[in-house]
Amino acid sequence: MKLPSFLNPLILDLLKNGFSGEAEKRFILNDSSTEYTFCEHRLVTKLNIIFNDPEFLAAISELIGKKVNFTKQRLYYIDSDCISLPWHDDSYGKDTRVAAMRFELSDGPYEGGDFLFRSKAGEFKFSNLKFSESVIFKIEIGDADHMVTPVTSGIRKSLAMFLCE
C-alpha cells in the first residue's frame, strides 16, 4: 500500500541530512546485492528513538492489523553501480518481521529503482514516489515478495523500516 507523506518535517530533515555523512558499502545475501548504508551511531540511535515510540508503534499496529513491538531501520542509497536483489520476502534475520516500509528520500531525479511487489492478490509496481512518500507491505513467507529494479542513473535514497513482533 502506498502512503502519503506523514512524517514530521523535523524527522524528514534528520533523514535527508543523514545522507551527508560517510556511507559504508555493504554486501548482503552472500554478495548478491550491493547498496550504500549509513552506520553513523548517533543517527541510528535517533532513528530507533523516533520509530520505536509507543504511539508510532500503536498506529502502525492498527494499520497492518498485527502487533508491532519494535522497528529496525536502515538508511541507504543505490545507484547504477549497485546490484539489485532478486525477488525476496525480507524474512531473514533473528527478529520476527511482520511488515516493512520504505520511505522515499531522494532529492534528485533517478531512473529505474521501481519497487515491485507480488502476492496472491497480484503484482504491483510503485515508481516515482515523491520525497517522504512510503510503501508499506506485509511480510508473508512464501506468499508475498518484492524487489527493486536496477537504478540506471541518478541515486535512489531510502529508509527501510522492518516492523517486528
Protein backbone atom coordinates (compact mmCIF):
# COMPACT_ATOMS: atom_id res chain seq x y z
CA MET A 1 0.00 0.00 0.00
CA LYS A 2 1.28 3.45 -0.88
CA LEU A 3 1.10 6.02 1.92
CA PRO A 4 1.23 9.80 1.58
CA SER A 5 3.83 11.81 3.44
CA PHE A 6 3.03 11.73 7.16
CA LEU A 7 6.34 12.29 8.95
CA ASN A 8 7.04 15.49 10.87
CA PRO A 9 9.25 17.98 8.89
CA LEU A 10 11.94 17.76 11.63
CA ILE A 11 12.15 13.99 11.15
CA LEU A 12 12.31 14.44 7.38
CA ASP A 13 15.20 16.90 7.80
CA LEU A 14 17.01 14.39 10.02
CA LEU A 15 16.55 11.68 7.38
CA LYS A 16 17.56 13.92 4.47
CA ASN A 17 20.64 15.14 6.34
CA GLY A 18 21.54 11.55 7.22
CA PHE A 19 22.96 11.25 3.72
CA SER A 20 25.62 13.89 4.35
CA GLY A 21 27.89 11.51 6.30
CA GLU A 22 30.18 8.77 5.10
CA ALA A 23 28.47 5.72 3.65
CA GLU A 24 29.72 2.19 4.07
CA LYS A 25 29.24 -0.15 1.14
CA ARG A 26 27.53 -3.31 2.35
CA PHE A 27 27.07 -6.61 0.67
CA ILE A 28 24.06 -8.66 1.66
CA LEU A 29 22.75 -12.11 0.81
CA ASN A 30 26.11 -13.68 0.02
CA ASP A 31 27.39 -10.78 -2.10
CA SER A 32 24.39 -10.96 -4.47
CA SER A 33 23.35 -7.37 -3.77
CA THR A 34 25.09 -4.11 -3.00
CA GLU A 35 23.94 -0.85 -1.52
CA TYR A 36 25.44 2.05 0.41
CA THR A 37 24.35 2.01 4.06
CA PHE A 38 24.85 4.68 6.71
CA CYS A 39 26.00 3.30 10.05
CA GLU A 40 26.65 6.53 11.99
CA HIS A 41 25.85 5.67 15.63
CA ARG A 42 24.09 8.93 16.61
CA LEU A 43 21.84 8.79 13.55
CA VAL A 44 20.91 5.15 14.17
CA THR A 45 20.11 5.97 17.82
CA LYS A 46 17.85 8.86 16.81
CA LEU A 47 16.00 6.69 14.28
CA ASN A 48 15.48 3.98 16.91
CA ILE A 49 14.02 6.51 19.37
CA ILE A 50 11.69 8.07 16.79
CA PHE A 51 10.40 4.86 15.23
CA ASN A 52 10.07 2.89 18.46
CA ASP A 53 7.86 5.49 20.12
CA PRO A 54 4.82 3.69 21.64
CA GLU A 55 2.35 5.95 19.79
CA PHE A 56 4.03 5.25 16.44
CA LEU A 57 4.10 1.50 17.13
CA ALA A 58 0.40 1.54 18.10
CA ALA A 59 -0.58 3.43 14.93
CA ILE A 60 1.41 1.06 12.70
CA SER A 61 -0.05 -1.97 14.53
CA GLU A 62 -3.56 -0.70 13.85
CA LEU A 63 -2.73 -0.01 10.19
CA ILE A 64 -1.42 -3.51 9.44
CA GLY A 65 -3.63 -5.46 11.84
CA LYS A 66 -0.72 -7.08 13.70
CA LYS A 67 1.01 -6.09 16.93
CA VAL A 68 4.33 -4.34 16.27
CA ASN A 69 6.64 -4.30 19.31
CA PHE A 70 9.71 -2.70 17.76
CA THR A 71 11.20 -1.49 14.49
CA LYS A 72 14.62 -1.74 12.90
CA GLN A 73 15.75 0.77 10.30
CA ARG A 74 18.31 1.05 7.54
CA LEU A 75 19.14 4.32 5.76
CA TYR A 76 20.62 3.55 2.36
CA TYR A 77 21.03 4.51 -1.25
CA ILE A 78 21.54 2.65 -4.50
CA ASP A 79 22.93 3.90 -7.79
CA SER A 80 23.87 2.38 -11.14
CA ASP A 81 26.97 0.72 -9.60
CA CYS A 82 24.82 -1.30 -7.18
CA ILE A 83 23.43 -4.76 -7.82
CA SER A 84 19.73 -5.27 -7.01
CA LEU A 85 18.38 -8.18 -5.02
CA PRO A 86 16.20 -10.69 -6.87
CA TRP A 87 12.67 -11.36 -5.56
CA HIS A 88 12.77 -11.82 -1.75
CA ASP A 89 10.46 -11.55 1.29
CA ASP A 90 12.62 -9.77 3.96
CA SER A 91 12.05 -12.64 6.41
CA TYR A 92 15.76 -13.16 7.13
CA GLY A 93 17.18 -12.18 10.47
CA LYS A 94 16.58 -13.31 14.03
CA ASP A 95 13.70 -10.88 14.60
CA THR A 96 10.10 -11.70 13.74
CA ARG A 97 9.33 -9.30 10.90
CA VAL A 98 5.64 -8.90 10.09
CA ALA A 99 5.83 -5.94 7.71
CA ALA A 100 8.21 -3.46 6.13
CA MET A 101 8.07 0.16 4.99
CA ARG A 102 10.21 2.05 2.53
CA PHE A 103 10.31 5.84 2.68
CA GLU A 104 11.44 7.75 -0.42
CA LEU A 105 14.21 10.21 0.48
CA SER A 106 15.65 11.03 -2.96
CA ASP A 107 16.28 14.71 -3.52
CA GLY A 108 17.18 14.41 -7.18
CA PRO A 109 15.96 12.53 -10.23
CA TYR A 110 16.89 8.92 -10.89
CA GLU A 111 15.88 6.30 -13.43
CA GLY A 112 14.97 2.71 -12.61
CA GLY A 113 14.65 1.76 -8.97
CA ASP A 114 11.00 0.74 -9.30
CA PHE A 115 9.60 -1.13 -6.28
CA LEU A 116 7.76 -4.30 -7.36
CA PHE A 117 5.55 -6.33 -5.02
CA ARG A 118 3.75 -9.60 -5.72
CA SER A 119 1.37 -11.79 -3.74
CA LYS A 120 -1.73 -13.89 -4.32
CA ALA A 121 -3.59 -10.60 -4.82
CA GLY A 122 -1.44 -9.73 -7.85
CA GLU A 123 1.65 -7.77 -8.79
CA PHE A 124 2.05 -4.08 -8.03
CA LYS A 125 4.59 -1.51 -9.23
CA PHE A 126 5.49 1.65 -7.33
CA SER A 127 7.65 4.13 -9.21
CA ASN A 128 8.48 7.79 -8.99
CA LEU A 129 7.46 8.20 -5.35
CA LYS A 130 7.80 11.76 -4.12
CA PHE A 131 10.10 12.71 -1.25
CA SER A 132 8.71 11.32 2.06
CA GLU A 133 6.02 9.10 0.48
CA SER A 134 6.20 5.48 1.54
CA VAL A 135 5.16 1.95 0.70
CA ILE A 136 4.15 -0.49 3.44
CA PHE A 137 3.78 -4.22 2.88
CA LYS A 138 3.27 -7.32 4.98
CA ILE A 139 5.99 -9.93 5.15
CA GLU A 140 4.44 -13.32 4.50
CA ILE A 141 6.89 -16.13 3.88
CA GLY A 142 6.02 -17.97 0.68
CA ASP A 143 3.07 -15.68 -0.10
CA ALA A 144 4.48 -12.22 -0.77
CA ASP A 145 7.78 -10.92 -2.04
CA HIS A 146 9.28 -7.85 -3.62
CA MET A 147 12.27 -6.47 -5.47
CA VAL A 148 13.68 -3.20 -6.74
CA THR A 149 14.65 -2.83 -10.38
CA PRO A 150 18.22 -1.65 -11.03
CA VAL A 151 18.86 2.09 -10.85
CA THR A 152 20.20 3.07 -14.28
CA SER A 153 21.06 6.70 -13.49
CA GLY A 154 20.99 9.01 -10.50
CA ILE A 155 20.72 7.95 -6.87
CA ARG A 156 17.68 6.41 -5.16
CA LYS A 157 17.72 7.20 -1.42
CA SER A 158 15.52 5.33 1.04
CA LEU A 159 14.79 4.48 4.61
CA ALA A 160 13.82 0.83 5.04
CA MET A 161 11.95 0.01 8.23
CA PHE A 162 11.24 -3.52 9.41
CA LEU A 163 8.22 -3.88 11.72
CA CYS A 164 8.73 -6.72 14.20
CA GLU A 165 6.55 -8.64 16.68
